[in-house]
Amino acid sequence: MNHQISLQPTWRSVVKIGVRTTLALALGYAVVCLTIFIVRTSLTILAASDGHVDLMLLSANAFTLAWVTLVFTAILTLVAVPVGVLTAAVLKLLLPRLNPRHLPLRAAAIGLSTGLVFYLIIHLLLQALGTRLTLDYPETYRFWFALPALLYIAACAVETWKLNARYTLAAIAS
């Protein structure tokens, strides 16, 4: 029995890319945030403790921050995964049409542009909803929206470049 493996990206593989990339970004950002939170609050606790280190207090602080970060990340991931899957699906549709010669830099530019368009759409939606994730609250906006958006846009470029490589292999194999 002759089974041929398709090199062409399937919808299933593209959805997996969207989910995996989104989960990796969310988890990575949560770990970075948690580290920053624990270090900042522990230094504040130590500064206020007059040289007496209370390990139970520092442990409770770390546990509380870890729990809150985990819950917050889980909730945001429920919103982020559909955006990641939708982005991957749009890129699957756009890439063969906008980059028929499978040029790697063009693919990355398509991913970067698509990520930027999605970012702008989400930014406008958040603005319309009146959330604190707007430019009216710059500290909140930068930490909870702009920095993750930069990671998302970069991931769009990288994943589109990788998707393009699969299209290139499929074209060579056919």
N, C-alpha and C. Protein backbone atom coordinates (compact mmCIF):
# COMPACT_ATOMS: atom_id res chain seq x y z
N MET A 1 0.85 -1.17 0.00
CA MET A 1 0.00 0.00 0.00
C MET A 1 0.90 1.24 0.00
N ASN A 2 0.66 2.13 -0.91
CA ASN A 2 1.48 3.32 -1.07
C ASN A 2 0.78 4.52 -0.43
N HIS A 3 1.36 5.01 0.65
CA HIS A 3 0.81 6.19 1.33
C HIS A 3 1.70 7.38 1.02
N GLN A 4 1.11 8.40 0.45
CA GLN A 4 1.87 9.61 0.20
C GLN A 4 1.60 10.61 1.31
N ILE A 5 2.66 11.24 1.75
CA ILE A 5 2.54 12.28 2.77
C ILE A 5 2.46 13.61 2.07
N SER A 6 1.43 14.37 2.37
CA SER A 6 1.27 15.68 1.75
C SER A 6 2.12 16.71 2.48
N LEU A 7 2.95 17.40 1.72
CA LEU A 7 3.75 18.47 2.30
C LEU A 7 2.96 19.77 2.38
N GLN A 8 1.90 19.84 1.60
CA GLN A 8 1.05 21.03 1.59
C GLN A 8 0.41 21.20 2.97
N PRO A 9 0.46 22.39 3.54
CA PRO A 9 -0.17 22.60 4.86
C PRO A 9 -1.67 22.36 4.80
N THR A 10 -2.17 21.55 5.73
CA THR A 10 -3.61 21.29 5.81
C THR A 10 -4.24 22.28 6.79
N TRP A 11 -5.56 22.36 6.76
CA TRP A 11 -6.25 23.22 7.72
C TRP A 11 -5.97 22.76 9.14
N ARG A 12 -5.93 21.45 9.32
CA ARG A 12 -5.66 20.91 10.66
C ARG A 12 -4.28 21.33 11.15
N SER A 13 -3.28 21.23 10.28
CA SER A 13 -1.92 21.62 10.70
C SER A 13 -1.83 23.11 10.98
N VAL A 14 -2.57 23.92 10.24
CA VAL A 14 -2.55 25.36 10.44
C VAL A 14 -3.23 25.72 11.76
N VAL A 15 -4.32 25.04 12.09
CA VAL A 15 -4.99 25.27 13.38
C VAL A 15 -4.04 24.90 14.52
N LYS A 16 -3.33 23.78 14.36
CA LYS A 16 -2.36 23.37 15.39
C LYS A 16 -1.27 24.42 15.55
N ILE A 17 -0.81 24.98 14.45
CA ILE A 17 0.21 26.04 14.52
C ILE A 17 -0.32 27.22 15.32
N GLY A 18 -1.56 27.63 15.01
CA GLY A 18 -2.17 28.76 15.71
C GLY A 18 -2.31 28.51 17.20
N VAL A 19 -2.76 27.31 17.55
CA VAL A 19 -2.96 26.98 18.97
C VAL A 19 -1.62 26.89 19.68
N ARG A 20 -0.68 26.14 19.11
CA ARG A 20 0.63 25.95 19.77
C ARG A 20 1.38 27.26 19.94
N THR A 21 1.38 28.07 18.91
CA THR A 21 2.10 29.34 18.98
C THR A 21 1.48 30.25 20.04
N THR A 22 0.17 30.31 20.06
CA THR A 22 -0.53 31.15 21.04
C THR A 22 -0.26 30.67 22.46
N LEU A 23 -0.34 29.37 22.68
CA LEU A 23 -0.08 28.82 24.01
C LEU A 23 1.36 29.07 24.44
N ALA A 24 2.30 28.91 23.52
CA ALA A 24 3.72 29.15 23.85
C ALA A 24 3.95 30.62 24.21
N LEU A 25 3.36 31.52 23.44
CA LEU A 25 3.52 32.95 23.74
C LEU A 25 2.88 33.30 25.08
N ALA A 26 1.68 32.78 25.33
CA ALA A 26 1.00 33.09 26.59
C ALA A 26 1.78 32.55 27.79
N LEU A 27 2.24 31.33 27.69
CA LEU A 27 3.00 30.75 28.78
C LEU A 27 4.33 31.48 28.99
N GLY A 28 5.00 31.78 27.91
CA GLY A 28 6.27 32.51 28.01
C GLY A 28 6.09 33.87 28.64
N TYR A 29 5.07 34.59 28.20
CA TYR A 29 4.82 35.92 28.77
C TYR A 29 4.43 35.83 30.24
N ALA A 30 3.65 34.80 30.59
CA ALA A 30 3.26 34.62 31.99
C ALA A 30 4.48 34.36 32.87
N VAL A 31 5.41 33.56 32.39
CA VAL A 31 6.62 33.27 33.17
C VAL A 31 7.44 34.54 33.37
N VAL A 32 7.58 35.33 32.32
CA VAL A 32 8.32 36.59 32.43
C VAL A 32 7.62 37.53 33.41
N CYS A 33 6.31 37.68 33.27
CA CYS A 33 5.55 38.54 34.18
C CYS A 33 5.67 38.07 35.61
N LEU A 34 5.50 36.78 35.83
CA LEU A 34 5.57 36.23 37.17
C LEU A 34 6.94 36.50 37.80
N THR A 35 7.98 36.32 37.03
CA THR A 35 9.33 36.59 37.53
C THR A 35 9.46 38.06 37.94
N ILE A 36 9.01 38.95 37.09
CA ILE A 36 9.06 40.38 37.40
C ILE A 36 8.25 40.69 38.66
N PHE A 37 7.04 40.13 38.75
CA PHE A 37 6.18 40.39 39.90
C PHE A 37 6.83 39.92 41.20
N ILE A 38 7.35 38.69 41.18
CA ILE A 38 7.93 38.12 42.40
C ILE A 38 9.17 38.90 42.83
N VAL A 39 10.02 39.24 41.88
CA VAL A 39 11.24 39.98 42.23
C VAL A 39 10.88 41.36 42.79
N ARG A 40 10.00 42.08 42.11
CA ARG A 40 9.64 43.43 42.58
C ARG A 40 9.01 43.41 43.95
N THR A 41 8.03 42.53 44.16
CA THR A 41 7.36 42.52 45.46
C THR A 41 8.26 41.97 46.56
N SER A 42 9.10 41.00 46.24
CA SER A 42 10.02 40.47 47.25
C SER A 42 11.03 41.53 47.67
N LEU A 43 11.52 42.30 46.72
CA LEU A 43 12.44 43.39 47.07
C LEU A 43 11.75 44.44 47.94
N THR A 44 10.49 44.72 47.66
CA THR A 44 9.73 45.67 48.47
C THR A 44 9.55 45.12 49.89
N ILE A 45 9.21 43.84 49.99
CA ILE A 45 9.04 43.22 51.31
C ILE A 45 10.36 43.24 52.08
N LEU A 46 11.45 42.89 51.39
CA LEU A 46 12.76 42.89 52.05
C LEU A 46 13.18 44.29 52.48
N ALA A 47 12.88 45.28 51.67
CA ALA A 47 13.23 46.66 52.01
C ALA A 47 12.47 47.15 53.24
N ALA A 48 11.25 46.65 53.41
CA ALA A 48 10.43 47.08 54.54
C ALA A 48 10.65 46.23 55.79
N SER A 49 11.49 45.20 55.71
CA SER A 49 11.59 44.25 56.82
C SER A 49 12.74 44.54 57.78
N ASP A 50 13.47 45.60 57.60
CA ASP A 50 14.58 45.97 58.49
C ASP A 50 15.61 44.85 58.62
N GLY A 51 15.91 44.17 57.53
CA GLY A 51 16.94 43.15 57.53
C GLY A 51 16.49 41.78 58.00
N HIS A 52 15.28 41.66 58.53
CA HIS A 52 14.75 40.38 58.97
C HIS A 52 14.01 39.72 57.79
N VAL A 53 14.49 38.56 57.36
CA VAL A 53 13.90 37.88 56.22
C VAL A 53 12.86 36.88 56.72
N ASP A 54 11.64 37.07 56.31
CA ASP A 54 10.55 36.16 56.66
C ASP A 54 10.27 35.28 55.44
N LEU A 55 10.83 34.07 55.44
CA LEU A 55 10.69 33.18 54.29
C LEU A 55 9.24 32.77 54.04
N MET A 56 8.46 32.66 55.11
CA MET A 56 7.04 32.30 54.94
C MET A 56 6.30 33.41 54.20
N LEU A 57 6.59 34.65 54.54
CA LEU A 57 5.96 35.78 53.87
C LEU A 57 6.37 35.83 52.40
N LEU A 58 7.66 35.64 52.14
CA LEU A 58 8.13 35.64 50.75
C LEU A 58 7.54 34.47 49.96
N SER A 59 7.41 33.32 50.59
CA SER A 59 6.81 32.15 49.94
C SER A 59 5.33 32.39 49.65
N ALA A 60 4.62 32.94 50.63
CA ALA A 60 3.20 33.24 50.44
C ALA A 60 3.02 34.27 49.33
N ASN A 61 3.89 35.24 49.30
CA ASN A 61 3.86 36.25 48.24
C ASN A 61 4.03 35.59 46.87
N ALA A 62 5.04 34.73 46.74
CA ALA A 62 5.31 34.06 45.46
C ALA A 62 4.15 33.16 45.06
N PHE A 63 3.60 32.41 46.02
CA PHE A 63 2.48 31.52 45.72
C PHE A 63 1.25 32.31 45.26
N THR A 64 0.94 33.38 45.96
CA THR A 64 -0.22 34.20 45.61
C THR A 64 -0.07 34.78 44.21
N LEU A 65 1.11 35.31 43.93
CA LEU A 65 1.35 35.88 42.61
C LEU A 65 1.30 34.81 41.53
N ALA A 66 1.83 33.63 41.82
CA ALA A 66 1.79 32.53 40.84
C ALA A 66 0.35 32.12 40.55
N TRP A 67 -0.46 32.04 41.59
CA TRP A 67 -1.86 31.64 41.41
C TRP A 67 -2.61 32.68 40.57
N VAL A 68 -2.47 33.94 40.91
CA VAL A 68 -3.15 35.01 40.17
C VAL A 68 -2.69 35.03 38.71
N THR A 69 -1.39 34.90 38.51
CA THR A 69 -0.85 34.90 37.14
C THR A 69 -1.38 33.72 36.35
N LEU A 70 -1.45 32.55 36.97
CA LEU A 70 -1.98 31.36 36.31
C LEU A 70 -3.43 31.55 35.89
N VAL A 71 -4.25 32.04 36.80
CA VAL A 71 -5.67 32.26 36.49
C VAL A 71 -5.83 33.32 35.40
N PHE A 72 -5.12 34.42 35.53
CA PHE A 72 -5.20 35.49 34.54
C PHE A 72 -4.74 35.01 33.16
N THR A 73 -3.66 34.24 33.13
CA THR A 73 -3.15 33.71 31.87
C THR A 73 -4.16 32.75 31.25
N ALA A 74 -4.77 31.92 32.06
CA ALA A 74 -5.77 30.98 31.55
C ALA A 74 -6.95 31.71 30.92
N ILE A 75 -7.41 32.75 31.57
CA ILE A 75 -8.55 33.52 31.04
C ILE A 75 -8.16 34.22 29.74
N LEU A 76 -6.99 34.86 29.73
CA LEU A 76 -6.57 35.55 28.51
C LEU A 76 -6.28 34.58 27.38
N THR A 77 -5.82 33.38 27.71
CA THR A 77 -5.55 32.39 26.69
C THR A 77 -6.84 31.96 25.99
N LEU A 78 -7.93 31.93 26.73
CA LEU A 78 -9.22 31.59 26.11
C LEU A 78 -9.60 32.60 25.03
N VAL A 79 -9.17 33.83 25.18
CA VAL A 79 -9.42 34.86 24.17
C VAL A 79 -8.35 34.82 23.08
N ALA A 80 -7.12 34.56 23.48
CA ALA A 80 -5.99 34.63 22.55
C ALA A 80 -5.95 33.46 21.57
N VAL A 81 -6.33 32.26 22.00
CA VAL A 81 -6.25 31.10 21.11
C VAL A 81 -7.12 31.28 19.86
N PRO A 82 -8.37 31.70 19.97
CA PRO A 82 -9.14 31.92 18.74
C PRO A 82 -8.50 32.97 17.81
N VAL A 83 -7.89 34.00 18.40
CA VAL A 83 -7.20 35.00 17.57
C VAL A 83 -6.01 34.36 16.86
N GLY A 84 -5.27 33.52 17.57
CA GLY A 84 -4.13 32.83 16.96
C GLY A 84 -4.56 31.89 15.85
N VAL A 85 -5.63 31.15 16.07
CA VAL A 85 -6.14 30.23 15.04
C VAL A 85 -6.66 31.02 13.84
N LEU A 86 -7.40 32.09 14.08
CA LEU A 86 -7.90 32.92 12.99
C LEU A 86 -6.75 33.52 12.19
N THR A 87 -5.73 33.99 12.89
CA THR A 87 -4.56 34.55 12.21
C THR A 87 -3.89 33.50 11.33
N ALA A 88 -3.69 32.30 11.87
CA ALA A 88 -3.06 31.23 11.09
C ALA A 88 -3.90 30.88 9.87
N ALA A 89 -5.23 30.85 10.03
CA ALA A 89 -6.11 30.54 8.89
C ALA A 89 -6.03 31.63 7.82
N VAL A 90 -6.02 32.88 8.24
CA VAL A 90 -5.91 33.99 7.27
C VAL A 90 -4.57 33.90 6.53
N LEU A 91 -3.51 33.59 7.27
CA LEU A 91 -2.20 33.47 6.63
C LEU A 91 -2.15 32.30 5.66
N LYS A 92 -2.84 31.20 5.98
CA LYS A 92 -2.89 30.07 5.04
C LYS A 92 -3.57 30.48 3.74
N LEU A 93 -4.58 31.32 3.85
CA LEU A 93 -5.29 31.80 2.66
C LEU A 93 -4.47 32.83 1.88
N LEU A 94 -3.81 33.73 2.60
CA LEU A 94 -3.09 34.82 1.95
C LEU A 94 -1.76 34.40 1.32
N LEU A 95 -1.03 33.55 2.00
CA LEU A 95 0.33 33.25 1.60
C LEU A 95 0.47 32.74 0.16
N PRO A 96 -0.31 31.74 -0.26
CA PRO A 96 -0.14 31.28 -1.65
C PRO A 96 -0.53 32.33 -2.69
N ARG A 97 -1.46 33.20 -2.33
CA ARG A 97 -1.93 34.21 -3.28
C ARG A 97 -0.97 35.40 -3.38
N LEU A 98 -0.42 35.80 -2.24
CA LEU A 98 0.45 36.98 -2.21
C LEU A 98 1.93 36.63 -2.40
N ASN A 99 2.26 35.36 -2.32
CA ASN A 99 3.66 34.96 -2.44
C ASN A 99 3.75 33.66 -3.26
N PRO A 100 3.32 33.70 -4.54
CA PRO A 100 3.31 32.48 -5.33
C PRO A 100 4.70 31.91 -5.62
N ARG A 101 5.74 32.75 -5.53
CA ARG A 101 7.11 32.26 -5.79
C ARG A 101 7.79 31.80 -4.50
N HIS A 102 7.10 31.83 -3.38
CA HIS A 102 7.58 31.32 -2.10
C HIS A 102 8.86 32.01 -1.62
N LEU A 103 8.92 33.32 -1.75
CA LEU A 103 10.08 34.07 -1.29
C LEU A 103 10.02 34.22 0.23
N PRO A 104 11.08 33.79 0.95
CA PRO A 104 11.03 33.78 2.42
C PRO A 104 10.83 35.16 3.04
N LEU A 105 11.54 36.18 2.56
CA LEU A 105 11.39 37.51 3.15
C LEU A 105 10.00 38.09 2.88
N ARG A 106 9.48 37.80 1.72
CA ARG A 106 8.13 38.26 1.40
C ARG A 106 7.11 37.58 2.31
N ALA A 107 7.33 36.29 2.57
CA ALA A 107 6.44 35.57 3.48
C ALA A 107 6.47 36.19 4.87
N ALA A 108 7.67 36.48 5.36
CA ALA A 108 7.79 37.11 6.68
C ALA A 108 7.11 38.47 6.70
N ALA A 109 7.24 39.23 5.61
CA ALA A 109 6.59 40.55 5.52
C ALA A 109 5.07 40.40 5.52
N ILE A 110 4.57 39.37 4.86
CA ILE A 110 3.12 39.11 4.86
C ILE A 110 2.66 38.78 6.27
N GLY A 111 3.41 37.96 6.97
CA GLY A 111 3.06 37.61 8.35
C GLY A 111 3.11 38.83 9.26
N LEU A 112 4.16 39.63 9.11
CA LEU A 112 4.31 40.85 9.90
C LEU A 112 3.14 41.80 9.65
N SER A 113 2.79 41.99 8.39
CA SER A 113 1.68 42.89 8.03
C SER A 113 0.35 42.37 8.55
N THR A 114 0.14 41.07 8.42
CA THR A 114 -1.12 40.48 8.91
C THR A 114 -1.22 40.62 10.43
N GLY A 115 -0.13 40.37 11.13
CA GLY A 115 -0.12 40.54 12.59
C GLY A 115 -0.41 41.98 12.98
N LEU A 116 0.16 42.91 12.22
CA LEU A 116 -0.06 44.33 12.50
C LEU A 116 -1.52 44.72 12.27
N VAL A 117 -2.14 44.19 11.22
CA VAL A 117 -3.55 44.48 10.94
C VAL A 117 -4.43 43.93 12.06
N PHE A 118 -4.17 42.69 12.49
CA PHE A 118 -4.94 42.11 13.59
C PHE A 118 -4.76 42.93 14.87
N TYR A 119 -3.52 43.35 15.12
CA TYR A 119 -3.24 44.19 16.29
C TYR A 119 -4.08 45.47 16.25
N LEU A 120 -4.09 46.13 15.10
CA LEU A 120 -4.86 47.37 14.98
C LEU A 120 -6.35 47.15 15.17
N ILE A 121 -6.86 46.06 14.63
CA ILE A 121 -8.29 45.74 14.80
C ILE A 121 -8.61 45.52 16.28
N ILE A 122 -7.77 44.73 16.96
CA ILE A 122 -8.00 44.46 18.38
C ILE A 122 -7.86 45.75 19.20
N HIS A 123 -6.87 46.56 18.85
CA HIS A 123 -6.68 47.85 19.54
C HIS A 123 -7.95 48.71 19.40
N LEU A 124 -8.49 48.80 18.22
CA LEU A 124 -9.70 49.60 18.00
C LEU A 124 -10.90 49.02 18.75
N LEU A 125 -11.00 47.69 18.79
CA LEU A 125 -12.09 47.05 19.55
C LEU A 125 -11.97 47.37 21.04
N LEU A 126 -10.76 47.26 21.58
CA LEU A 126 -10.56 47.58 23.00
C LEU A 126 -10.87 49.04 23.29
N GLN A 127 -10.50 49.91 22.37
CA GLN A 127 -10.80 51.34 22.51
C GLN A 127 -12.31 51.56 22.53
N ALA A 128 -13.01 50.89 21.62
CA ALA A 128 -14.46 51.05 21.54
C ALA A 128 -15.17 50.49 22.77
N LEU A 129 -14.61 49.44 23.36
CA LEU A 129 -15.21 48.84 24.55
C LEU A 129 -14.93 49.62 25.82
N GLY A 130 -14.01 50.57 25.74
CA GLY A 130 -13.70 51.41 26.90
C GLY A 130 -12.88 50.70 27.97
N THR A 131 -12.03 49.77 27.58
CA THR A 131 -11.20 49.07 28.55
C THR A 131 -10.01 49.93 28.97
N ARG A 132 -9.30 49.47 29.99
CA ARG A 132 -8.08 50.17 30.43
C ARG A 132 -6.89 49.85 29.53
N LEU A 133 -7.09 48.97 28.58
CA LEU A 133 -6.02 48.62 27.65
C LEU A 133 -6.02 49.57 26.45
N THR A 134 -5.93 50.86 26.77
CA THR A 134 -5.89 51.88 25.73
C THR A 134 -4.73 52.82 26.04
N LEU A 135 -4.46 53.70 25.12
CA LEU A 135 -3.37 54.66 25.29
C LEU A 135 -3.65 55.67 26.40
N ASP A 136 -4.90 55.72 26.88
CA ASP A 136 -5.22 56.60 28.00
C ASP A 136 -4.55 56.13 29.29
N TYR A 137 -4.19 54.88 29.36
CA TYR A 137 -3.52 54.28 30.52
C TYR A 137 -2.21 53.65 30.02
N PRO A 138 -1.18 54.45 29.79
CA PRO A 138 0.02 53.96 29.10
C PRO A 138 0.74 52.80 29.80
N GLU A 139 0.82 52.81 31.13
CA GLU A 139 1.54 51.72 31.82
C GLU A 139 0.81 50.40 31.62
N THR A 140 -0.50 50.42 31.82
CA THR A 140 -1.31 49.21 31.63
C THR A 140 -1.26 48.76 30.19
N TYR A 141 -1.39 49.70 29.27
CA TYR A 141 -1.40 49.40 27.85
C TYR A 141 -0.09 48.75 27.42
N ARG A 142 1.02 49.35 27.82
CA ARG A 142 2.33 48.81 27.40
C ARG A 142 2.55 47.40 27.92
N PHE A 143 2.27 47.18 29.19
CA PHE A 143 2.59 45.89 29.81
C PHE A 143 1.63 44.79 29.38
N TRP A 144 0.33 45.08 29.34
CA TRP A 144 -0.66 44.04 29.10
C TRP A 144 -1.12 43.94 27.66
N PHE A 145 -0.77 44.92 26.82
CA PHE A 145 -1.22 44.84 25.43
C PHE A 145 -0.10 45.06 24.43
N ALA A 146 0.67 46.12 24.56
CA ALA A 146 1.68 46.45 23.55
C ALA A 146 2.81 45.42 23.51
N LEU A 147 3.36 45.03 24.65
CA LEU A 147 4.43 44.04 24.65
C LEU A 147 3.96 42.68 24.14
N PRO A 148 2.82 42.17 24.61
CA PRO A 148 2.34 40.91 24.01
C PRO A 148 2.03 41.05 22.52
N ALA A 149 1.55 42.23 22.11
CA ALA A 149 1.26 42.44 20.69
C ALA A 149 2.54 42.39 19.86
N LEU A 150 3.63 42.95 20.38
CA LEU A 150 4.90 42.86 19.66
C LEU A 150 5.35 41.41 19.50
N LEU A 151 5.19 40.62 20.55
CA LEU A 151 5.51 39.20 20.46
C LEU A 151 4.62 38.50 19.44
N TYR A 152 3.34 38.83 19.45
CA TYR A 152 2.38 38.25 18.51
C TYR A 152 2.75 38.59 17.06
N ILE A 153 3.07 39.85 16.81
CA ILE A 153 3.42 40.29 15.46
C ILE A 153 4.70 39.60 14.99
N ALA A 154 5.68 39.51 15.88
CA ALA A 154 6.92 38.80 15.54
C ALA A 154 6.64 37.32 15.26
N ALA A 155 5.79 36.71 16.09
CA ALA A 155 5.44 35.30 15.88
C ALA A 155 4.72 35.11 14.55
N CYS A 156 3.90 36.07 14.16
CA CYS A 156 3.23 35.99 12.85
C CYS A 156 4.26 35.93 11.73
N ALA A 157 5.29 36.77 11.82
CA ALA A 157 6.33 36.78 10.80
C ALA A 157 7.08 35.45 10.77
N VAL A 158 7.47 34.95 11.94
CA VAL A 158 8.24 33.71 12.02
C VAL A 158 7.41 32.52 11.54
N GLU A 159 6.18 32.41 12.01
CA GLU A 159 5.34 31.27 11.63
C GLU A 159 4.96 31.32 10.15
N THR A 160 4.80 32.51 9.60
CA THR A 160 4.51 32.62 8.16
C THR A 160 5.74 32.21 7.34
N TRP A 161 6.91 32.59 7.82
CA TRP A 161 8.14 32.17 7.16
C TRP A 161 8.25 30.65 7.17
N LYS A 162 7.92 30.01 8.30
CA LYS A 162 7.95 28.55 8.40
C LYS A 162 6.87 27.91 7.53
N LEU A 163 5.69 28.49 7.50
CA LEU A 163 4.60 27.99 6.64
C LEU A 163 5.01 28.08 5.18
N ASN A 164 5.66 29.16 4.83
CA ASN A 164 6.16 29.34 3.47
C ASN A 164 7.15 28.24 3.09
N ALA A 165 7.98 27.83 4.04
CA ALA A 165 8.93 26.75 3.78
C ALA A 165 8.20 25.45 3.44
N ARG A 166 7.07 25.21 4.09
CA ARG A 166 6.27 24.02 3.75
C ARG A 166 5.69 24.12 2.36
N TYR A 167 5.20 25.31 1.99
CA TYR A 167 4.69 25.51 0.63
C TYR A 167 5.81 25.31 -0.38
N THR A 168 7.00 25.78 -0.05
CA THR A 168 8.16 25.63 -0.95
C THR A 168 8.49 24.15 -1.13
N LEU A 169 8.53 23.39 -0.05
CA LEU A 169 8.80 21.95 -0.14
C LEU A 169 7.72 21.24 -0.96
N ALA A 170 6.48 21.63 -0.76
CA ALA A 170 5.38 21.02 -1.52
C ALA A 170 5.52 21.32 -3.01
N ALA A 171 5.93 22.55 -3.33
CA ALA A 171 6.11 22.93 -4.74
C ALA A 171 7.27 22.16 -5.36
N ILE A 172 8.34 21.97 -4.61
CA ILE A 172 9.50 21.23 -5.12
C ILE A 172 9.14 19.75 -5.32
N ALA A 173 8.38 19.19 -4.39
CA ALA A 173 8.04 17.78 -4.45
C ALA A 173 7.04 17.45 -5.56
N SER A 174 6.29 18.45 -5.99
CA SER A 174 5.26 18.17 -7.00
C SER A 174 5.78 18.27 -8.42
